[in-house]
């Protein structure tokens, strides 16, 4: 069993404590995303493609405008990524049922398989980290991450929960 992580100083908002949090977040995220990067590289895809696959898998029939809001990227950047994913038959783009101008996004079976493979890689890394930290730490970790989300985005993020 791993040794318990060092606890934060009672003065946890000191510069050194904040810097440690930033560094841990950076290196933890880098390691987590490298797990998916390997699977993406075999397909000639990158992290932008993965983010689209992930959120479309979470919400089939997500609109392009909803996805733009979630990813906070330009329409041009998203258009390039969506075009490539559609050409590779990983994402299907179809008009809305009520508003034909609306573009609804859904993963194809091939896209679902790729997203599931990438998710399994991420799940393995995150599950190992959660297990190492212990159940009592997970809620605190989530609370810190949620605290980083601007108030105007919290409803959008909450809507992704199962």
Protein backbone atom coordinates (compact mmCIF):
# COMPACT_ATOMS: atom_id res chain seq x y z
CA UNK A 1 0.00 0.00 0.00
CA UNK A 2 1.33 3.44 -0.91
CA UNK A 3 2.28 5.91 1.78
CA UNK A 4 -0.34 8.59 2.37
CA UNK A 5 0.28 11.73 0.32
CA UNK A 6 1.80 14.66 2.18
CA UNK A 7 -0.93 16.87 3.56
CA UNK A 8 -1.14 20.53 2.70
CA UNK A 9 0.21 23.05 5.09
CA UNK A 10 -2.39 24.82 7.28
CA UNK A 11 -1.33 27.85 5.22
CA UNK A 12 -2.35 26.09 2.00
CA UNK A 13 -2.70 29.31 0.01
CA UNK A 14 0.96 30.20 0.27
CA UNK A 15 2.74 30.59 -3.05
CA UNK A 16 4.64 27.31 -2.62
CA UNK A 17 1.40 25.40 -2.00
CA UNK A 18 -0.32 26.96 -5.00
CA UNK A 19 2.70 26.27 -7.21
CA UNK A 20 2.73 22.64 -6.06
CA UNK A 21 -0.94 22.32 -7.01
CA UNK A 22 -0.32 23.85 -10.44
CA UNK A 23 2.64 21.53 -11.03
CA UNK A 24 0.74 18.43 -9.93
CA UNK A 25 -2.21 19.40 -12.11
CA UNK A 26 0.05 20.00 -15.10
CA UNK A 27 2.09 16.80 -14.78
CA UNK A 28 -0.92 14.69 -13.84
CA UNK A 29 -2.91 15.94 -16.83
CA UNK A 30 0.09 15.47 -19.14
CA UNK A 31 0.49 11.86 -18.03
CA UNK A 32 -3.23 11.19 -18.30
CA UNK A 33 -3.51 12.58 -21.83
CA UNK A 34 -0.38 10.74 -23.02
CA UNK A 35 -2.34 7.52 -22.49
CA UNK A 36 -4.85 8.65 -25.12
CA UNK A 37 -2.21 10.31 -27.33
CA UNK A 38 -0.69 6.93 -28.18
CA UNK A 39 -4.01 5.61 -29.46
CA UNK A 40 -4.70 8.85 -31.33
CA UNK A 41 -1.26 8.82 -32.98
CA UNK A 42 -1.93 5.44 -34.58
CA UNK A 43 -4.94 7.06 -36.26
CA UNK A 44 -3.10 10.26 -37.21
CA UNK A 45 -5.35 12.24 -34.83
CA UNK A 46 -4.67 14.65 -32.00
CA UNK A 47 -6.15 15.89 -28.75
CA UNK A 48 -8.64 18.20 -30.45
CA UNK A 49 -10.10 15.17 -32.22
CA UNK A 50 -10.23 13.31 -28.92
CA UNK A 51 -12.12 16.10 -27.17
CA UNK A 52 -14.74 16.08 -29.92
CA UNK A 53 -15.06 12.29 -29.82
CA UNK A 54 -15.35 12.35 -26.03
CA UNK A 55 -18.10 14.96 -25.78
CA UNK A 56 -20.09 13.63 -28.72
CA UNK A 57 -19.95 10.18 -27.08
CA UNK A 58 -21.21 11.72 -23.82
CA UNK A 59 -24.12 13.47 -25.55
CA UNK A 60 -25.22 11.91 -28.83
CA UNK A 61 -27.03 14.45 -31.03
CA UNK A 62 -25.06 17.28 -29.48
CA UNK A 63 -25.34 20.35 -31.69
CA UNK A 64 -22.30 22.03 -33.16
CA UNK A 65 -23.09 25.20 -31.19
CA UNK A 66 -23.33 23.21 -27.93
CA UNK A 67 -19.99 21.58 -28.68
CA UNK A 68 -18.46 24.99 -29.41
CA UNK A 69 -19.63 26.12 -25.98
CA UNK A 70 -18.18 23.07 -24.24
CA UNK A 71 -14.80 23.27 -25.95
CA UNK A 72 -14.50 27.07 -25.99
CA UNK A 73 -12.74 27.05 -29.36
CA UNK A 74 -13.36 28.92 -32.60
CA UNK A 75 -15.89 27.76 -35.15
CA UNK A 76 -13.06 27.51 -37.68
CA UNK A 77 -10.99 25.19 -35.46
CA UNK A 78 -13.97 22.98 -34.72
CA UNK A 79 -14.95 22.93 -38.39
CA UNK A 80 -11.52 21.61 -39.39
CA UNK A 81 -11.61 18.86 -36.75
CA UNK A 82 -15.22 17.87 -37.49
CA UNK A 83 -14.54 17.71 -41.23
CA UNK A 84 -11.63 15.35 -40.66
CA UNK A 85 -13.62 13.15 -38.27
CA UNK A 86 -16.54 13.03 -40.72
CA UNK A 87 -14.23 12.18 -43.65
CA UNK A 88 -12.79 9.31 -41.61
CA UNK A 89 -16.34 8.19 -40.83
CA UNK A 90 -15.88 8.59 -37.07
CA UNK A 91 -18.55 11.29 -36.63
CA UNK A 92 -21.87 11.65 -38.41
CA UNK A 93 -23.24 15.17 -38.95
CA UNK A 94 -26.93 15.46 -39.75
CA UNK A 95 -29.50 18.26 -39.82
CA UNK A 96 -31.74 18.84 -36.80
CA UNK A 97 -35.23 17.38 -36.71
CA UNK A 98 -37.05 20.67 -36.10
CA UNK A 99 -34.47 23.15 -37.35
CA UNK A 100 -32.76 21.89 -40.50
CA UNK A 101 -30.00 24.52 -40.05
CA UNK A 102 -28.97 22.83 -36.83
CA UNK A 103 -26.19 20.26 -37.20
CA UNK A 104 -26.42 17.27 -34.86
CA UNK A 105 -23.37 15.17 -34.08
CA UNK A 106 -23.24 11.47 -33.36
CA UNK A 107 -20.42 8.94 -33.36
CA UNK A 108 -20.46 6.24 -36.00
CA UNK A 109 -19.85 2.66 -34.83
CA UNK A 110 -16.17 3.12 -35.78
CA UNK A 111 -16.07 6.39 -33.82
CA UNK A 112 -17.70 4.70 -30.83
CA UNK A 113 -15.08 1.95 -30.88
CA UNK A 114 -12.20 4.44 -31.05
CA UNK A 115 -13.66 6.62 -28.29
CA UNK A 116 -14.21 3.55 -26.09
CA UNK A 117 -10.60 2.46 -26.61
CA UNK A 118 -9.31 5.93 -25.70
CA UNK A 119 -11.62 6.12 -22.69
CA UNK A 120 -10.39 2.73 -21.45
CA UNK A 121 -6.82 4.06 -21.51
CA UNK A 122 -7.84 7.13 -19.52
CA UNK A 123 -9.98 5.11 -17.13
CA UNK A 124 -7.05 2.81 -16.33
CA UNK A 125 -4.80 5.76 -15.44
CA UNK A 126 -7.43 7.64 -13.46
CA UNK A 127 -8.66 4.52 -11.65
CA UNK A 128 -5.11 3.75 -10.55
CA UNK A 129 -4.70 7.30 -9.25
CA UNK A 130 -8.08 7.23 -7.46
CA UNK A 131 -7.27 3.89 -5.86
CA UNK A 132 -3.87 5.15 -4.73
CA UNK A 133 -5.36 8.32 -3.21
CA UNK A 134 -8.25 6.50 -1.56
CA UNK A 135 -12.00 7.00 -1.75
CA UNK A 136 -11.93 9.85 0.76
CA UNK A 137 -9.72 11.91 -1.57
CA UNK A 138 -11.86 11.70 -4.70
CA UNK A 139 -14.56 14.14 -3.53
CA UNK A 140 -11.97 16.70 -2.50
CA UNK A 141 -10.22 16.37 -5.86
CA UNK A 142 -13.51 16.91 -7.67
CA UNK A 143 -14.32 19.91 -5.48
CA UNK A 144 -11.00 21.56 -6.34
CA UNK A 145 -11.49 20.94 -10.06
CA UNK A 146 -15.08 22.23 -9.91
CA UNK A 147 -13.75 25.32 -8.14
CA UNK A 148 -11.64 26.04 -11.23
CA UNK A 149 -14.73 26.16 -13.46
CA UNK A 150 -16.22 29.64 -13.96
CA UNK A 151 -19.75 30.04 -12.58
CA UNK A 152 -21.18 30.67 -16.04
CA UNK A 153 -19.92 27.23 -17.21
CA UNK A 154 -20.96 25.15 -14.19
CA UNK A 155 -24.47 24.34 -15.48
CA UNK A 156 -23.02 23.16 -18.79
CA UNK A 157 -20.56 20.89 -16.98
CA UNK A 158 -23.22 19.61 -14.56
CA UNK A 159 -25.39 18.63 -17.54
CA UNK A 160 -22.74 16.08 -18.57
CA UNK A 161 -23.26 13.99 -15.42
CA UNK A 162 -24.97 10.65 -15.83
